[in-house]
Amino acid sequence: MITLTVQDLEQENISVKKDSEITFENKIYKKVKVLSKRDKNKIPEVTEEYSIDSSEIILVEHKLFFSI
């Protein structure tokens, strides 16, 4: 799992504010889940659910939430 912040992506000229899909390191990632910051403890459980099919996962930390 790759963990990034919105600022990290913006430095790479990648906008995550409007799109449900981003291209990062020549790979396309689709937003599948959003978690509140107060649900941070659920991240391992949720990411495991999506990693079953060997998909790469990016966790993006926004100001108020995380997107997976």
N, C-alpha and C. Protein backbone atom coordinates (compact mmCIF):
# COMPACT_ATOMS: atom_id res chain seq x y z
N MET A 1 0.85 -1.17 0.00
CA MET A 1 0.00 0.00 0.00
C MET A 1 0.90 1.24 0.00
N ILE A 2 0.52 2.18 -0.83
CA ILE A 2 1.21 3.45 -0.92
C ILE A 2 0.39 4.48 -0.14
N THR A 3 1.02 5.23 0.73
CA THR A 3 0.32 6.26 1.49
C THR A 3 0.84 7.62 1.08
N LEU A 4 -0.09 8.47 0.66
CA LEU A 4 0.26 9.82 0.19
C LEU A 4 -0.72 10.83 0.78
N THR A 5 -0.33 12.07 0.72
CA THR A 5 -1.25 13.14 1.10
C THR A 5 -1.70 13.85 -0.18
N VAL A 6 -2.74 14.63 -0.06
CA VAL A 6 -3.20 15.43 -1.19
C VAL A 6 -2.05 16.32 -1.67
N GLN A 7 -1.31 16.88 -0.75
CA GLN A 7 -0.20 17.77 -1.10
C GLN A 7 0.88 17.02 -1.90
N ASP A 8 1.16 15.77 -1.51
CA ASP A 8 2.13 14.96 -2.27
C ASP A 8 1.70 14.84 -3.73
N LEU A 9 0.43 14.55 -3.94
CA LEU A 9 -0.07 14.38 -5.29
C LEU A 9 -0.11 15.70 -6.06
N GLU A 10 -0.48 16.76 -5.38
CA GLU A 10 -0.51 18.06 -6.03
C GLU A 10 0.89 18.49 -6.49
N GLN A 11 1.91 18.11 -5.74
CA GLN A 11 3.29 18.41 -6.14
C GLN A 11 3.64 17.70 -7.45
N GLU A 12 2.96 16.60 -7.71
CA GLU A 12 3.16 15.84 -8.95
C GLU A 12 2.15 16.27 -10.02
N ASN A 13 1.42 17.36 -9.76
CA ASN A 13 0.38 17.88 -10.66
C ASN A 13 -0.76 16.89 -10.86
N ILE A 14 -1.09 16.18 -9.81
CA ILE A 14 -2.21 15.24 -9.83
C ILE A 14 -3.29 15.79 -8.93
N SER A 15 -4.46 16.01 -9.50
CA SER A 15 -5.58 16.54 -8.73
C SER A 15 -6.46 15.40 -8.25
N VAL A 16 -6.76 15.40 -6.96
CA VAL A 16 -7.64 14.36 -6.40
C VAL A 16 -8.94 14.96 -5.89
N LYS A 17 -9.11 16.23 -6.06
CA LYS A 17 -10.27 16.89 -5.48
C LYS A 17 -11.56 16.58 -6.23
N LYS A 18 -11.51 16.45 -7.53
CA LYS A 18 -12.72 16.23 -8.31
C LYS A 18 -12.82 14.82 -8.85
N ASP A 19 -11.70 14.26 -9.18
CA ASP A 19 -11.70 12.99 -9.90
C ASP A 19 -11.85 11.78 -8.98
N SER A 20 -12.50 10.77 -9.52
CA SER A 20 -12.59 9.51 -8.80
C SER A 20 -11.51 8.55 -9.30
N GLU A 21 -10.66 9.07 -10.18
CA GLU A 21 -9.61 8.28 -10.78
C GLU A 21 -8.37 9.15 -10.93
N ILE A 22 -7.21 8.59 -10.62
CA ILE A 22 -5.96 9.33 -10.82
C ILE A 22 -4.96 8.43 -11.53
N THR A 23 -3.99 9.05 -12.16
CA THR A 23 -2.87 8.32 -12.74
C THR A 23 -1.64 8.68 -11.93
N PHE A 24 -1.01 7.66 -11.38
CA PHE A 24 0.16 7.85 -10.54
C PHE A 24 1.19 6.81 -10.94
N GLU A 25 2.39 7.25 -11.25
CA GLU A 25 3.48 6.37 -11.70
C GLU A 25 3.01 5.47 -12.85
N ASN A 26 2.33 6.09 -13.81
CA ASN A 26 1.85 5.42 -15.02
C ASN A 26 0.84 4.31 -14.77
N LYS A 27 0.17 4.35 -13.64
CA LYS A 27 -0.88 3.39 -13.33
C LYS A 27 -2.15 4.16 -12.96
N ILE A 28 -3.28 3.60 -13.32
CA ILE A 28 -4.56 4.24 -13.02
C ILE A 28 -5.12 3.65 -11.74
N TYR A 29 -5.53 4.54 -10.84
CA TYR A 29 -6.13 4.14 -9.57
C TYR A 29 -7.52 4.74 -9.48
N LYS A 30 -8.48 3.95 -9.04
CA LYS A 30 -9.85 4.42 -8.89
C LYS A 30 -10.20 4.51 -7.42
N LYS A 31 -10.86 5.59 -7.06
CA LYS A 31 -11.31 5.74 -5.68
C LYS A 31 -12.46 4.77 -5.44
N VAL A 32 -12.32 3.94 -4.42
CA VAL A 32 -13.35 2.95 -4.13
C VAL A 32 -14.00 3.15 -2.76
N LYS A 33 -13.33 3.90 -1.91
CA LYS A 33 -13.84 4.05 -0.55
C LYS A 33 -13.32 5.34 0.05
N VAL A 34 -14.14 5.94 0.89
CA VAL A 34 -13.75 7.13 1.65
C VAL A 34 -14.03 6.83 3.12
N LEU A 35 -13.04 7.12 3.96
CA LEU A 35 -13.19 6.91 5.40
C LEU A 35 -12.94 8.21 6.14
N SER A 36 -13.76 8.47 7.12
CA SER A 36 -13.57 9.62 7.99
C SER A 36 -12.27 9.46 8.77
N LYS A 37 -11.69 10.56 9.16
CA LYS A 37 -10.48 10.51 9.99
C LYS A 37 -10.74 9.76 11.30
N ARG A 38 -11.95 9.86 11.81
CA ARG A 38 -12.24 9.15 13.07
C ARG A 38 -12.31 7.64 12.87
N ASP A 39 -12.39 7.18 11.62
CA ASP A 39 -12.40 5.75 11.31
C ASP A 39 -11.04 5.24 10.88
N LYS A 40 -10.01 5.97 11.21
CA LYS A 40 -8.64 5.62 10.81
C LYS A 40 -8.28 4.18 11.18
N ASN A 41 -8.78 3.72 12.30
CA ASN A 41 -8.47 2.36 12.76
C ASN A 41 -9.03 1.28 11.84
N LYS A 42 -9.97 1.62 10.95
CA LYS A 42 -10.56 0.65 10.02
C LYS A 42 -9.77 0.51 8.72
N ILE A 43 -8.76 1.33 8.54
CA ILE A 43 -8.00 1.31 7.28
C ILE A 43 -7.41 -0.07 6.98
N PRO A 44 -6.74 -0.73 7.91
CA PRO A 44 -6.18 -2.05 7.58
C PRO A 44 -7.25 -3.05 7.12
N GLU A 45 -8.37 -3.04 7.78
CA GLU A 45 -9.47 -3.95 7.42
C GLU A 45 -10.00 -3.65 6.01
N VAL A 46 -10.20 -2.39 5.71
CA VAL A 46 -10.74 -2.00 4.41
C VAL A 46 -9.73 -2.26 3.30
N THR A 47 -8.47 -1.92 3.52
CA THR A 47 -7.47 -2.14 2.47
C THR A 47 -7.26 -3.63 2.22
N GLU A 48 -7.38 -4.44 3.22
CA GLU A 48 -7.25 -5.88 3.02
C GLU A 48 -8.37 -6.40 2.12
N GLU A 49 -9.54 -5.86 2.29
CA GLU A 49 -10.68 -6.24 1.46
C GLU A 49 -10.38 -6.01 -0.02
N TYR A 50 -9.68 -4.93 -0.34
CA TYR A 50 -9.39 -4.60 -1.73
C TYR A 50 -8.07 -5.19 -2.23
N SER A 51 -7.24 -5.68 -1.35
CA SER A 51 -5.96 -6.23 -1.78
C SER A 51 -6.05 -7.73 -2.07
N ILE A 52 -7.18 -8.32 -1.86
CA ILE A 52 -7.36 -9.75 -2.09
C ILE A 52 -7.04 -10.12 -3.53
N ASP A 53 -7.43 -9.28 -4.47
CA ASP A 53 -7.17 -9.59 -5.88
C ASP A 53 -5.82 -9.06 -6.36
N SER A 54 -4.90 -8.82 -5.44
CA SER A 54 -3.54 -8.36 -5.72
C SER A 54 -3.48 -6.96 -6.33
N SER A 55 -4.51 -6.18 -6.14
CA SER A 55 -4.51 -4.80 -6.63
C SER A 55 -3.59 -3.96 -5.76
N GLU A 56 -2.92 -3.01 -6.39
CA GLU A 56 -2.14 -2.05 -5.62
C GLU A 56 -3.10 -1.02 -5.06
N ILE A 57 -2.81 -0.56 -3.87
CA ILE A 57 -3.70 0.38 -3.19
C ILE A 57 -2.93 1.64 -2.84
N ILE A 58 -3.61 2.78 -3.05
CA ILE A 58 -3.08 4.06 -2.59
C ILE A 58 -4.05 4.59 -1.55
N LEU A 59 -3.51 4.96 -0.41
CA LEU A 59 -4.28 5.62 0.63
C LEU A 59 -3.90 7.09 0.57
N VAL A 60 -4.91 7.95 0.31
CA VAL A 60 -4.64 9.39 0.20
C VAL A 60 -5.26 10.07 1.41
N GLU A 61 -4.42 10.80 2.13
CA GLU A 61 -4.90 11.53 3.30
C GLU A 61 -5.32 12.94 2.89
N HIS A 62 -6.59 13.21 3.07
CA HIS A 62 -7.14 14.53 2.82
C HIS A 62 -7.23 15.25 4.17
N LYS A 63 -7.70 16.46 4.17
CA LYS A 63 -7.79 17.23 5.41
C LYS A 63 -8.75 16.58 6.41
N LEU A 64 -9.90 16.10 5.95
CA LEU A 64 -10.94 15.56 6.84
C LEU A 64 -11.19 14.07 6.69
N PHE A 65 -10.60 13.44 5.69
CA PHE A 65 -10.89 12.03 5.44
C PHE A 65 -9.74 11.36 4.71
N PHE A 66 -9.87 10.06 4.52
CA PHE A 66 -8.94 9.27 3.72
C PHE A 66 -9.69 8.71 2.53
N SER A 67 -9.05 8.63 1.40
CA SER A 67 -9.64 7.94 0.26
C SER A 67 -8.74 6.77 -0.10
N ILE A 68 -9.38 5.69 -0.50
CA ILE A 68 -8.67 4.47 -0.85
C ILE A 68 -8.94 4.15 -2.30
